[in-house]
Amino acid sequence: MSSSIISITDAEFETEVLKAQKPVLVYFWASWCGPCQLMSPLVNSAATTYGDRLKVVKMEVDPNPVTVKQYQVEGVPALRLIQGNQVLESTEGVINKDKLLSLLEPHLN
């Protein structure tokens, strides 16, 4: 993972995501998840490309059940684009770069 991506927990979610000044891409993942390993480079790329307009965080699902339940994560990898208390975009499963860009770009100034 890129150094611009921070790992967060349930306890840090409000501060790191809900109170962020720009949109936040939350990457839900699990260590046992093979498809998550496919998504990690893509999430890294988004953090590198859009780091000036987008905050990227990752959250491991197993130790953070509160946020996982609150944001209805039913499978991993999962992405939630959040600004304030609003989920702007949501996806689960492996997606390609074009799909990720089409989710992000409309929400980045």
PDB file of N, CA and C in Angstrom:
ATOM      1  N   MET A   1       0.827  -1.188   0.000  1.00  0.00           N
ATOM      2  CA  MET A   1       0.000   0.000   0.000  1.00  0.00           C
ATOM      3  C   MET A   1       0.870   1.251   0.000  1.00  0.00           C
ATOM      4  N   SER A   2       0.385   2.249  -0.618  1.00  0.00           N
ATOM      5  CA  SER A   2       1.101   3.516  -0.692  1.00  0.00           C
ATOM      6  C   SER A   2       1.183   4.169   0.680  1.00  0.00           C
ATOM      7  N   SER A   3       2.232   4.945   0.879  1.00  0.00           N
ATOM      8  CA  SER A   3       2.374   5.646   2.149  1.00  0.00           C
ATOM      9  C   SER A   3       1.302   6.713   2.312  1.00  0.00           C
ATOM     10  N   SER A   4       0.637   7.095   1.212  1.00  0.00           N
ATOM     11  CA  SER A   4      -0.422   8.088   1.303  1.00  0.00           C
ATOM     12  C   SER A   4      -1.755   7.464   1.723  1.00  0.00           C
ATOM     13  N   ILE A   5      -1.775   6.154   1.867  1.00  0.00           N
ATOM     14  CA  ILE A   5      -2.977   5.453   2.329  1.00  0.00           C
ATOM     15  C   ILE A   5      -2.765   5.092   3.785  1.00  0.00           C
ATOM     16  N   ILE A   6      -3.711   5.496   4.625  1.00  0.00           N
ATOM     17  CA  ILE A   6      -3.576   5.154   6.039  1.00  0.00           C
ATOM     18  C   ILE A   6      -4.570   4.065   6.413  1.00  0.00           C
ATOM     19  N   SER A   7      -4.143   3.196   7.304  1.00  0.00           N
ATOM     20  CA  SER A   7      -5.028   2.161   7.845  1.00  0.00           C
ATOM     21  C   SER A   7      -5.771   2.750   9.030  1.00  0.00           C
ATOM     22  N   ILE A   8      -7.076   2.541   9.052  1.00  0.00           N
ATOM     23  CA  ILE A   8      -7.879   3.081  10.144  1.00  0.00           C
ATOM     24  C   ILE A   8      -8.705   1.981  10.800  1.00  0.00           C
ATOM     25  N   THR A   9      -9.241   2.313  11.984  1.00  0.00           N
ATOM     26  CA  THR A   9     -10.092   1.400  12.739  1.00  0.00           C
ATOM     27  C   THR A   9     -11.453   2.054  12.942  1.00  0.00           C
ATOM     28  N   ASP A  10     -12.367   1.284  13.525  1.00  0.00           N
ATOM     29  CA  ASP A  10     -13.683   1.841  13.868  1.00  0.00           C
ATOM     30  C   ASP A  10     -13.535   3.137  14.659  1.00  0.00           C
ATOM     31  N   ALA A  11     -12.615   3.139  15.631  1.00  0.00           N
ATOM     32  CA  ALA A  11     -12.439   4.284  16.519  1.00  0.00           C
ATOM     33  C   ALA A  11     -11.957   5.536  15.776  1.00  0.00           C
ATOM     34  N   GLU A  12     -11.254   5.344  14.675  1.00  0.00           N
ATOM     35  CA  GLU A  12     -10.695   6.476  13.926  1.00  0.00           C
ATOM     36  C   GLU A  12     -11.580   6.939  12.772  1.00  0.00           C
ATOM     37  N   PHE A  13     -12.636   6.190  12.492  1.00  0.00           N
ATOM     38  CA  PHE A  13     -13.438   6.448  11.299  1.00  0.00           C
ATOM     39  C   PHE A  13     -14.029   7.859  11.278  1.00  0.00           C
ATOM     40  N   GLU A  14     -14.612   8.287  12.369  1.00  0.00           N
ATOM     41  CA  GLU A  14     -15.244   9.608  12.384  1.00  0.00           C
ATOM     42  C   GLU A  14     -14.223  10.704  12.087  1.00  0.00           C
ATOM     43  N   THR A  15     -13.099  10.662  12.769  1.00  0.00           N
ATOM     44  CA  THR A  15     -12.078  11.693  12.590  1.00  0.00           C
ATOM     45  C   THR A  15     -11.466  11.649  11.197  1.00  0.00           C
ATOM     46  N   GLU A  16     -11.089  10.468  10.726  1.00  0.00           N
ATOM     47  CA  GLU A  16     -10.363  10.336   9.462  1.00  0.00           C
ATOM     48  C   GLU A  16     -11.250  10.429   8.220  1.00  0.00           C
ATOM     49  N   VAL A  17     -12.512  10.019   8.352  1.00  0.00           N
ATOM     50  CA  VAL A  17     -13.387   9.973   7.176  1.00  0.00           C
ATOM     51  C   VAL A  17     -14.483  11.034   7.249  1.00  0.00           C
ATOM     52  N   LEU A  18     -15.306  10.980   8.270  1.00  0.00           N
ATOM     53  CA  LEU A  18     -16.477  11.856   8.328  1.00  0.00           C
ATOM     54  C   LEU A  18     -16.106  13.332   8.490  1.00  0.00           C
ATOM     55  N   LYS A  19     -14.981  13.608   9.135  1.00  0.00           N
ATOM     56  CA  LYS A  19     -14.571  14.999   9.345  1.00  0.00           C
ATOM     57  C   LYS A  19     -13.513  15.470   8.348  1.00  0.00           C
ATOM     58  N   ALA A  20     -13.223  14.666   7.344  1.00  0.00           N
ATOM     59  CA  ALA A  20     -12.217  15.033   6.341  1.00  0.00           C
ATOM     60  C   ALA A  20     -12.715  16.200   5.499  1.00  0.00           C
ATOM     61  N   GLN A  21     -11.778  17.004   5.034  1.00  0.00           N
ATOM     62  CA  GLN A  21     -12.109  18.186   4.239  1.00  0.00           C
ATOM     63  C   GLN A  21     -12.385  17.870   2.773  1.00  0.00           C
ATOM     64  N   LYS A  22     -11.982  16.691   2.327  1.00  0.00           N
ATOM     65  CA  LYS A  22     -12.201  16.311   0.933  1.00  0.00           C
ATOM     66  C   LYS A  22     -12.826  14.914   0.892  1.00  0.00           C
ATOM     67  N   PRO A  23     -13.294  14.481  -0.260  1.00  0.00           N
ATOM     68  CA  PRO A  23     -13.878  13.131  -0.337  1.00  0.00           C
ATOM     69  C   PRO A  23     -12.874  12.073   0.116  1.00  0.00           C
ATOM     70  N   VAL A  24     -13.391  10.999   0.701  1.00  0.00           N
ATOM     71  CA  VAL A  24     -12.542   9.916   1.202  1.00  0.00           C
ATOM     72  C   VAL A  24     -12.949   8.607   0.531  1.00  0.00           C
ATOM     73  N   LEU A  25     -11.982   7.942  -0.072  1.00  0.00           N
ATOM     74  CA  LEU A  25     -12.200   6.611  -0.617  1.00  0.00           C
ATOM     75  C   LEU A  25     -11.811   5.621   0.471  1.00  0.00           C
ATOM     76  N   VAL A  26     -12.800   4.873   0.958  1.00  0.00           N
ATOM     77  CA  VAL A  26     -12.554   3.874   1.997  1.00  0.00           C
ATOM     78  C   VAL A  26     -12.470   2.509   1.314  1.00  0.00           C
ATOM     79  N   TYR A  27     -11.332   1.870   1.494  1.00  0.00           N
ATOM     80  CA  TYR A  27     -11.070   0.560   0.903  1.00  0.00           C
ATOM     81  C   TYR A  27     -11.207  -0.481   2.008  1.00  0.00           C
ATOM     82  N   PHE A  28     -12.275  -1.275   1.941  1.00  0.00           N
ATOM     83  CA  PHE A  28     -12.503  -2.360   2.898  1.00  0.00           C
ATOM     84  C   PHE A  28     -11.863  -3.615   2.339  1.00  0.00           C
ATOM     85  N   TRP A  29     -11.057  -4.278   3.153  1.00  0.00           N
ATOM     86  CA  TRP A  29     -10.296  -5.432   2.684  1.00  0.00           C
ATOM     87  C   TRP A  29     -10.141  -6.453   3.815  1.00  0.00           C
ATOM     88  N   ALA A  30      -9.588  -7.604   3.460  1.00  0.00           N
ATOM     89  CA  ALA A  30      -9.287  -8.650   4.453  1.00  0.00           C
ATOM     90  C   ALA A  30      -8.002  -9.352   4.046  1.00  0.00           C
ATOM     91  N   SER A  31      -7.234  -9.755   5.037  1.00  0.00           N
ATOM     92  CA  SER A  31      -5.942 -10.405   4.760  1.00  0.00           C
ATOM     93  C   SER A  31      -6.123 -11.738   4.035  1.00  0.00           C
ATOM     94  N   TRP A  32      -7.249 -12.399   4.247  1.00  0.00           N
ATOM     95  CA  TRP A  32      -7.500 -13.698   3.629  1.00  0.00           C
ATOM     96  C   TRP A  32      -8.140 -13.591   2.244  1.00  0.00           C
ATOM     97  N   CYS A  33      -8.356 -12.376   1.776  1.00  0.00           N
ATOM     98  CA  CYS A  33      -9.111 -12.126   0.540  1.00  0.00           C
ATOM     99  C   CYS A  33      -8.184 -12.027  -0.666  1.00  0.00           C
ATOM    100  N   GLY A  34      -8.223 -13.040  -1.529  1.00  0.00           N
ATOM    101  CA  GLY A  34      -7.413 -13.039  -2.748  1.00  0.00           C
ATOM    102  C   GLY A  34      -7.730 -11.867  -3.669  1.00  0.00           C
ATOM    103  N   PRO A  35      -9.016 -11.606  -3.966  1.00  0.00           N
ATOM    104  CA  PRO A  35      -9.351 -10.473  -4.829  1.00  0.00           C
ATOM    105  C   PRO A  35      -8.871  -9.124  -4.273  1.00  0.00           C
ATOM    106  N   CYS A  36      -8.763  -9.016  -2.949  1.00  0.00           N
ATOM    107  CA  CYS A  36      -8.265  -7.766  -2.350  1.00  0.00           C
ATOM    108  C   CYS A  36      -6.826  -7.504  -2.796  1.00  0.00           C
ATOM    109  N   GLN A  37      -6.053  -8.579  -2.961  1.00  0.00           N
ATOM    110  CA  GLN A  37      -4.674  -8.420  -3.408  1.00  0.00           C
ATOM    111  C   GLN A  37      -4.626  -7.872  -4.838  1.00  0.00           C
ATOM    112  N   LEU A  38      -5.651  -8.183  -5.629  1.00  0.00           N
ATOM    113  CA  LEU A  38      -5.737  -7.644  -6.985  1.00  0.00           C
ATOM    114  C   LEU A  38      -6.100  -6.160  -6.967  1.00  0.00           C
ATOM    115  N   MET A  39      -6.896  -5.752  -6.000  1.00  0.00           N
ATOM    116  CA  MET A  39      -7.371  -4.369  -5.919  1.00  0.00           C
ATOM    117  C   MET A  39      -6.344  -3.417  -5.314  1.00  0.00           C
ATOM    118  N   SER A  40      -5.462  -3.916  -4.474  1.00  0.00           N
ATOM    119  CA  SER A  40      -4.528  -3.040  -3.766  1.00  0.00           C
ATOM    120  C   SER A  40      -3.721  -2.124  -4.695  1.00  0.00           C
ATOM    121  N   PRO A  41      -3.142  -2.624  -5.803  1.00  0.00           N
ATOM    122  CA  PRO A  41      -2.397  -1.716  -6.685  1.00  0.00           C
ATOM    123  C   PRO A  41      -3.286  -0.625  -7.292  1.00  0.00           C
ATOM    124  N   LEU A  42      -4.524  -0.947  -7.566  1.00  0.00           N
ATOM    125  CA  LEU A  42      -5.456   0.024  -8.131  1.00  0.00           C
ATOM    126  C   LEU A  42      -5.793   1.118  -7.113  1.00  0.00           C
ATOM    127  N   VAL A  43      -5.997   0.725  -5.869  1.00  0.00           N
ATOM    128  CA  VAL A  43      -6.270   1.693  -4.804  1.00  0.00           C
ATOM    129  C   VAL A  43      -5.036   2.571  -4.592  1.00  0.00           C
ATOM    130  N   ASN A  44      -3.857   1.958  -4.640  1.00  0.00           N
ATOM    131  CA  ASN A  44      -2.599   2.715  -4.563  1.00  0.00           C
ATOM    132  C   ASN A  44      -2.522   3.757  -5.667  1.00  0.00           C
ATOM    133  N   SER A  45      -2.863   3.342  -6.861  1.00  0.00           N
ATOM    134  CA  SER A  45      -2.820   4.231  -8.019  1.00  0.00           C
ATOM    135  C   SER A  45      -3.768   5.416  -7.829  1.00  0.00           C
ATOM    136  N   ALA A  46      -4.947   5.155  -7.318  1.00  0.00           N
ATOM    137  CA  ALA A  46      -5.911   6.239  -7.067  1.00  0.00           C
ATOM    138  C   ALA A  46      -5.360   7.221  -6.039  1.00  0.00           C
ATOM    139  N   ALA A  47      -4.724   6.704  -5.000  1.00  0.00           N
ATOM    140  CA  ALA A  47      -4.147   7.566  -3.963  1.00  0.00           C
ATOM    141  C   ALA A  47      -3.036   8.433  -4.542  1.00  0.00           C
ATOM    142  N   THR A  48      -2.231   7.850  -5.411  1.00  0.00           N
ATOM    143  CA  THR A  48      -1.129   8.595  -6.023  1.00  0.00           C
ATOM    144  C   THR A  48      -1.645   9.633  -7.009  1.00  0.00           C
ATOM    145  N   THR A  49      -2.595   9.233  -7.842  1.00  0.00           N
ATOM    146  CA  THR A  49      -3.116  10.101  -8.893  1.00  0.00           C
ATOM    147  C   THR A  49      -3.955  11.252  -8.342  1.00  0.00           C
ATOM    148  N   TYR A  50      -4.796  10.956  -7.363  1.00  0.00           N
ATOM    149  CA  TYR A  50      -5.768  11.944  -6.881  1.00  0.00           C
ATOM    150  C   TYR A  50      -5.498  12.438  -5.467  1.00  0.00           C
ATOM    151  N   GLY A  51      -4.307  12.174  -4.955  1.00  0.00           N
ATOM    152  CA  GLY A  51      -3.992  12.517  -3.573  1.00  0.00           C
ATOM    153  C   GLY A  51      -4.226  13.964  -3.192  1.00  0.00           C
ATOM    154  N   ASP A  52      -4.159  14.860  -4.171  1.00  0.00           N
ATOM    155  CA  ASP A  52      -4.392  16.270  -3.882  1.00  0.00           C
ATOM    156  C   ASP A  52      -5.875  16.595  -3.714  1.00  0.00           C
ATOM    157  N   ARG A  53      -6.752  15.747  -4.248  1.00  0.00           N
ATOM    158  CA  ARG A  53      -8.200  16.011  -4.205  1.00  0.00           C
ATOM    159  C   ARG A  53      -8.992  14.943  -3.473  1.00  0.00           C
ATOM    160  N   LEU A  54      -8.307  13.886  -3.036  1.00  0.00           N
ATOM    161  CA  LEU A  54      -8.983  12.721  -2.477  1.00  0.00           C
ATOM    162  C   LEU A  54      -8.126  12.131  -1.362  1.00  0.00           C
ATOM    163  N   LYS A  55      -8.773  11.763  -0.287  1.00  0.00           N
ATOM    164  CA  LYS A  55      -8.083  11.042   0.788  1.00  0.00           C
ATOM    165  C   LYS A  55      -8.422   9.562   0.622  1.00  0.00           C
ATOM    166  N   VAL A  56      -7.441   8.703   0.790  1.00  0.00           N
ATOM    167  CA  VAL A  56      -7.673   7.264   0.662  1.00  0.00           C
ATOM    168  C   VAL A  56      -7.277   6.586   1.967  1.00  0.00           C
ATOM    169  N   VAL A  57      -8.204   5.802   2.501  1.00  0.00           N
ATOM    170  CA  VAL A  57      -7.931   5.035   3.714  1.00  0.00           C
ATOM    171  C   VAL A  57      -8.301   3.583   3.465  1.00  0.00           C
ATOM    172  N   LYS A  58      -7.688   2.696   4.250  1.00  0.00           N
ATOM    173  CA  LYS A  58      -8.074   1.287   4.158  1.00  0.00           C
ATOM    174  C   LYS A  58      -8.486   0.798   5.534  1.00  0.00           C
ATOM    175  N   MET A  59      -9.435  -0.114   5.531  1.00  0.00           N
ATOM    176  CA  MET A  59      -9.955  -0.661   6.781  1.00  0.00           C
ATOM    177  C   MET A  59     -10.111  -2.165   6.634  1.00  0.00           C
ATOM    178  N   GLU A  60      -9.437  -2.891   7.502  1.00  0.00           N
ATOM    179  CA  GLU A  60      -9.577  -4.343   7.503  1.00  0.00           C
ATOM    180  C   GLU A  60     -10.931  -4.683   8.121  1.00  0.00           C
ATOM    181  N   VAL A  61     -11.697  -5.538   7.449  1.00  0.00           N
ATOM    182  CA  VAL A  61     -13.083  -5.765   7.878  1.00  0.00           C
ATOM    183  C   VAL A  61     -13.216  -6.556   9.179  1.00  0.00           C
ATOM    184  N   ASP A  62     -12.412  -7.573   9.383  1.00  0.00           N
ATOM    185  CA  ASP A  62     -12.612  -8.447  10.540  1.00  0.00           C
ATOM    186  C   ASP A  62     -12.492  -7.740  11.891  1.00  0.00           C
ATOM    187  N   PRO A  63     -11.481  -6.885  12.118  1.00  0.00           N
ATOM    188  CA  PRO A  63     -11.379  -6.228  13.423  1.00  0.00           C
ATOM    189  C   PRO A  63     -12.239  -4.958  13.558  1.00  0.00           C
ATOM    190  N   ASN A  64     -13.017  -4.616  12.531  1.00  0.00           N
ATOM    191  CA  ASN A  64     -13.772  -3.363  12.553  1.00  0.00           C
ATOM    192  C   ASN A  64     -15.246  -3.569  12.176  1.00  0.00           C
ATOM    193  N   PRO A  65     -15.965  -4.369  12.957  1.00  0.00           N
ATOM    194  CA  PRO A  65     -17.333  -4.734  12.583  1.00  0.00           C
ATOM    195  C   PRO A  65     -18.340  -3.578  12.621  1.00  0.00           C
ATOM    196  N   VAL A  66     -18.080  -2.565  13.423  1.00  0.00           N
ATOM    197  CA  VAL A  66     -19.044  -1.465  13.547  1.00  0.00           C
ATOM    198  C   VAL A  66     -19.187  -0.712  12.226  1.00  0.00           C
ATOM    199  N   THR A  67     -18.073  -0.305  11.671  1.00  0.00           N
ATOM    200  CA  THR A  67     -18.102   0.437  10.410  1.00  0.00           C
ATOM    201  C   THR A  67     -18.556  -0.453   9.264  1.00  0.00           C
ATOM    202  N   VAL A  68     -18.103  -1.691   9.250  1.00  0.00           N
ATOM    203  CA  VAL A  68     -18.504  -2.639   8.209  1.00  0.00           C
ATOM    204  C   VAL A  68     -20.026  -2.779   8.182  1.00  0.00           C
ATOM    205  N   LYS A  69     -20.630  -2.895   9.340  1.00  0.00           N
ATOM    206  CA  LYS A  69     -22.087  -3.019   9.416  1.00  0.00           C
ATOM    207  C   LYS A  69     -22.763  -1.711   9.017  1.00  0.00           C
ATOM    208  N   GLN A  70     -22.252  -0.598   9.518  1.00  0.00           N
ATOM    209  CA  GLN A  70     -22.853   0.705   9.249  1.00  0.00           C
ATOM    210  C   GLN A  70     -22.870   1.012   7.749  1.00  0.00           C
ATOM    211  N   TYR A  71     -21.815   0.633   7.048  1.00  0.00           N
ATOM    212  CA  TYR A  71     -21.726   0.922   5.618  1.00  0.00           C
ATOM    213  C   TYR A  71     -22.086  -0.281   4.747  1.00  0.00           C
ATOM    214  N   GLN A  72     -22.742  -1.262   5.362  1.00  0.00           N
ATOM    215  CA  GLN A  72     -23.329  -2.414   4.678  1.00  0.00           C
ATOM    216  C   GLN A  72     -22.349  -3.100   3.725  1.00  0.00           C
ATOM    217  N   VAL A  73     -21.146  -3.343   4.240  1.00  0.00           N
ATOM    218  CA  VAL A  73     -20.146  -4.063   3.464  1.00  0.00           C
ATOM    219  C   VAL A  73     -20.470  -5.548   3.578  1.00  0.00           C
ATOM    220  N   GLU A  74     -20.849  -6.143   2.465  1.00  0.00           N
ATOM    221  CA  GLU A  74     -21.242  -7.551   2.472  1.00  0.00           C
ATOM    222  C   GLU A  74     -20.191  -8.451   1.850  1.00  0.00           C
ATOM    223  N   GLY A  75     -19.243  -7.867   1.134  1.00  0.00           N
ATOM    224  CA  GLY A  75     -18.179  -8.643   0.524  1.00  0.00           C
ATOM    225  C   GLY A  75     -16.963  -7.762   0.340  1.00  0.00           C
ATOM    226  N   VAL A  76     -15.800  -8.381   0.263  1.00  0.00           N
ATOM    227  CA  VAL A  76     -14.573  -7.635   0.034  1.00  0.00           C
ATOM    228  C   VAL A  76     -13.897  -8.143  -1.235  1.00  0.00           C
ATOM    229  N   PRO A  77     -13.178  -7.300  -1.921  1.00  0.00           N
ATOM    230  CA  PRO A  77     -12.914  -5.905  -1.613  1.00  0.00           C
ATOM    231  C   PRO A  77     -14.159  -5.044  -1.821  1.00  0.00           C
ATOM    232  N   ALA A  78     -14.244  -3.974  -1.045  1.00  0.00           N
ATOM    233  CA  ALA A  78     -15.348  -3.028  -1.177  1.00  0.00           C
ATOM    234  C   ALA A  78     -14.801  -1.616  -1.106  1.00  0.00           C
ATOM    235  N   LEU A  79     -15.420  -0.732  -1.852  1.00  0.00           N
ATOM    236  CA  LEU A  79     -15.034   0.677  -1.847  1.00  0.00           C
ATOM    237  C   LEU A  79     -16.251   1.527  -1.522  1.00  0.00           C
ATOM    238  N   ARG A  80     -16.049   2.542  -0.695  1.00  0.00           N
ATOM    239  CA  ARG A  80     -17.079   3.534  -0.416  1.00  0.00           C
ATOM    240  C   ARG A  80     -16.429   4.901  -0.578  1.00  0.00           C
ATOM    241  N   LEU A  81     -17.015   5.737  -1.410  1.00  0.00           N
ATOM    242  CA  LEU A  81     -16.556   7.110  -1.544  1.00  0.00           C
ATOM    243  C   LEU A  81     -17.476   7.958  -0.680  1.00  0.00           C
ATOM    244  N   ILE A  82     -16.903   8.568   0.350  1.00  0.00           N
ATOM    245  CA  ILE A  82     -17.693   9.255   1.368  1.00  0.00           C
ATOM    246  C   ILE A  82     -17.246  10.704   1.471  1.00  0.00           C
ATOM    247  N   GLN A  83     -18.230  11.586   1.582  1.00  0.00           N
ATOM    248  CA  GLN A  83     -17.922  12.983   1.890  1.00  0.00           C
ATOM    249  C   GLN A  83     -18.922  13.433   2.941  1.00  0.00           C
ATOM    250  N   GLY A  84     -18.388  13.897   4.066  1.00  0.00           N
ATOM    251  CA  GLY A  84     -19.268  14.217   5.192  1.00  0.00           C
ATOM    252  C   GLY A  84     -19.924  12.931   5.666  1.00  0.00           C
ATOM    253  N   ASN A  85     -21.216  12.947   5.817  1.00  0.00           N
ATOM    254  CA  ASN A  85     -21.953  11.738   6.220  1.00  0.00           C
ATOM    255  C   ASN A  85     -22.602  11.040   5.033  1.00  0.00           C
ATOM    256  N   GLN A  86     -22.246  11.441   3.822  1.00  0.00           N
ATOM    257  CA  GLN A  86     -22.911  10.925   2.634  1.00  0.00           C
ATOM    258  C   GLN A  86     -22.019   9.960   1.854  1.00  0.00           C
ATOM    259  N   VAL A  87     -22.588   8.809   1.494  1.00  0.00           N
ATOM    260  CA  VAL A  87     -21.899   7.869   0.605  1.00  0.00           C
ATOM    261  C   VAL A  87     -22.190   8.304  -0.829  1.00  0.00           C
ATOM    262  N   LEU A  88     -21.153   8.745  -1.526  1.00  0.00           N
ATOM    263  CA  LEU A  88     -21.309   9.233  -2.896  1.00  0.00           C
ATOM    264  C   LEU A  88     -21.320   8.088  -3.903  1.00  0.00           C
ATOM    265  N   GLU A  89     -20.485   7.088  -3.657  1.00  0.00           N
ATOM    266  CA  GLU A  89     -20.378   5.919  -4.535  1.00  0.00           C
ATOM    267  C   GLU A  89     -20.080   4.697  -3.689  1.00  0.00           C
ATOM    268  N   SER A  90     -20.496   3.545  -4.206  1.00  0.00           N
ATOM    269  CA  SER A  90     -20.298   2.301  -3.475  1.00  0.00           C
ATOM    270  C   SER A  90     -20.113   1.164  -4.471  1.00  0.00           C
ATOM    271  N   THR A  91     -19.137   0.306  -4.205  1.00  0.00           N
ATOM    272  CA  THR A  91     -18.947  -0.857  -5.063  1.00  0.00           C
ATOM    273  C   THR A  91     -18.337  -1.992  -4.240  1.00  0.00           C
ATOM    274  N   GLU A  92     -18.630  -3.201  -4.653  1.00  0.00           N
ATOM    275  CA  GLU A  92     -18.039  -4.383  -4.020  1.00  0.00           C
ATOM    276  C   GLU A  92     -17.542  -5.310  -5.107  1.00  0.00           C
ATOM    277  N   GLY A  93     -16.472  -6.020  -4.798  1.00  0.00           N
ATOM    278  CA  GLY A  93     -15.856  -6.915  -5.768  1.00  0.00           C
ATOM    279  C   GLY A  93     -14.751  -6.190  -6.524  1.00  0.00           C
ATOM    280  N   VAL A  94     -14.015  -6.957  -7.304  1.00  0.00           N
ATOM    281  CA  VAL A  94     -12.906  -6.400  -8.070  1.00  0.00           C
ATOM    282  C   VAL A  94     -13.457  -5.567  -9.221  1.00  0.00           C
ATOM    283  N   ILE A  95     -12.910  -4.365  -9.384  1.00  0.00           N
ATOM    284  CA  ILE A  95     -13.262  -3.524 -10.527  1.00  0.00           C
ATOM    285  C   ILE A  95     -11.973  -3.126 -11.232  1.00  0.00           C
ATOM    286  N   ASN A  96     -12.108  -2.688 -12.483  1.00  0.00           N
ATOM    287  CA  ASN A  96     -10.912  -2.278 -13.222  1.00  0.00           C
ATOM    288  C   ASN A  96     -10.674  -0.781 -13.063  1.00  0.00           C
ATOM    289  N   LYS A  97      -9.565  -0.324 -13.603  1.00  0.00           N
ATOM    290  CA  LYS A  97      -9.169   1.070 -13.429  1.00  0.00           C
ATOM    291  C   LYS A  97     -10.205   2.026 -14.030  1.00  0.00           C
ATOM    292  N   ASP A  98     -10.717   1.703 -15.201  1.00  0.00           N
ATOM    293  CA  ASP A  98     -11.711   2.576 -15.835  1.00  0.00           C
ATOM    294  C   ASP A  98     -12.952   2.729 -14.973  1.00  0.00           C
ATOM    295  N   LYS A  99     -13.399   1.635 -14.380  1.00  0.00           N
ATOM    296  CA  LYS A  99     -14.577   1.679 -13.505  1.00  0.00           C
ATOM    297  C   LYS A  99     -14.285   2.541 -12.279  1.00  0.00           C
ATOM    298  N   LEU A 100     -13.110   2.377 -11.695  1.00  0.00           N
ATOM    299  CA  LEU A 100     -12.757   3.179 -10.528  1.00  0.00           C
ATOM    300  C   LEU A 100     -12.718   4.661 -10.884  1.00  0.00           C
ATOM    301  N   LEU A 101     -12.104   4.981 -11.996  1.00  0.00           N
ATOM    302  CA  LEU A 101     -12.026   6.385 -12.428  1.00  0.00           C
ATOM    303  C   LEU A 101     -13.412   6.962 -12.670  1.00  0.00           C
ATOM    304  N   SER A 102     -14.304   6.164 -13.239  1.00  0.00           N
ATOM    305  CA  SER A 102     -15.661   6.662 -13.515  1.00  0.00           C
ATOM    306  C   SER A 102     -16.434   6.882 -12.222  1.00  0.00           C
ATOM    307  N   LEU A 103     -16.079   6.172 -11.153  1.00  0.00           N
ATOM    308  CA  LEU A 103     -16.717   6.400  -9.855  1.00  0.00           C
ATOM    309  C   LEU A 103     -16.171   7.653  -9.191  1.00  0.00           C
ATOM    310  N   LEU A 104     -14.868   7.869  -9.307  1.00  0.00           N
ATOM    311  CA  LEU A 104     -14.210   8.963  -8.600  1.00  0.00           C
ATOM    312  C   LEU A 104     -14.343  10.324  -9.266  1.00  0.00           C
ATOM    313  N   GLU A 105     -14.070  10.375 -10.556  1.00  0.00           N
ATOM    314  CA  GLU A 105     -13.902  11.651 -11.234  1.00  0.00           C
ATOM    315  C   GLU A 105     -15.078  12.617 -11.114  1.00  0.00           C
ATOM    316  N   PRO A 106     -16.329  12.157 -11.159  1.00  0.00           N
ATOM    317  CA  PRO A 106     -17.429  13.126 -11.030  1.00  0.00           C
ATOM    318  C   PRO A 106     -17.456  13.857  -9.681  1.00  0.00           C
ATOM    319  N   HIS A 107     -16.787  13.312  -8.681  1.00  0.00           N
ATOM    320  CA  HIS A 107     -16.845  13.881  -7.327  1.00  0.00           C
ATOM    321  C   HIS A 107     -15.585  14.651  -6.933  1.00  0.00           C
ATOM    322  N   LEU A 108     -14.629  14.723  -7.851  1.00  0.00           N
ATOM    323  CA  LEU A 108     -13.369  15.416  -7.538  1.00  0.00           C
ATOM    324  C   LEU A 108     -13.318  16.755  -8.243  1.00  0.00           C
ATOM    325  N   ASN A 109     -13.110  17.800  -7.495  1.00  0.00           N
ATOM    326  CA  ASN A 109     -13.058  19.148  -8.074  1.00  0.00           C
ATOM    327  C   ASN A 109     -11.703  19.412  -8.694  1.00  0.00           C
TER     328      ASN A 109
END
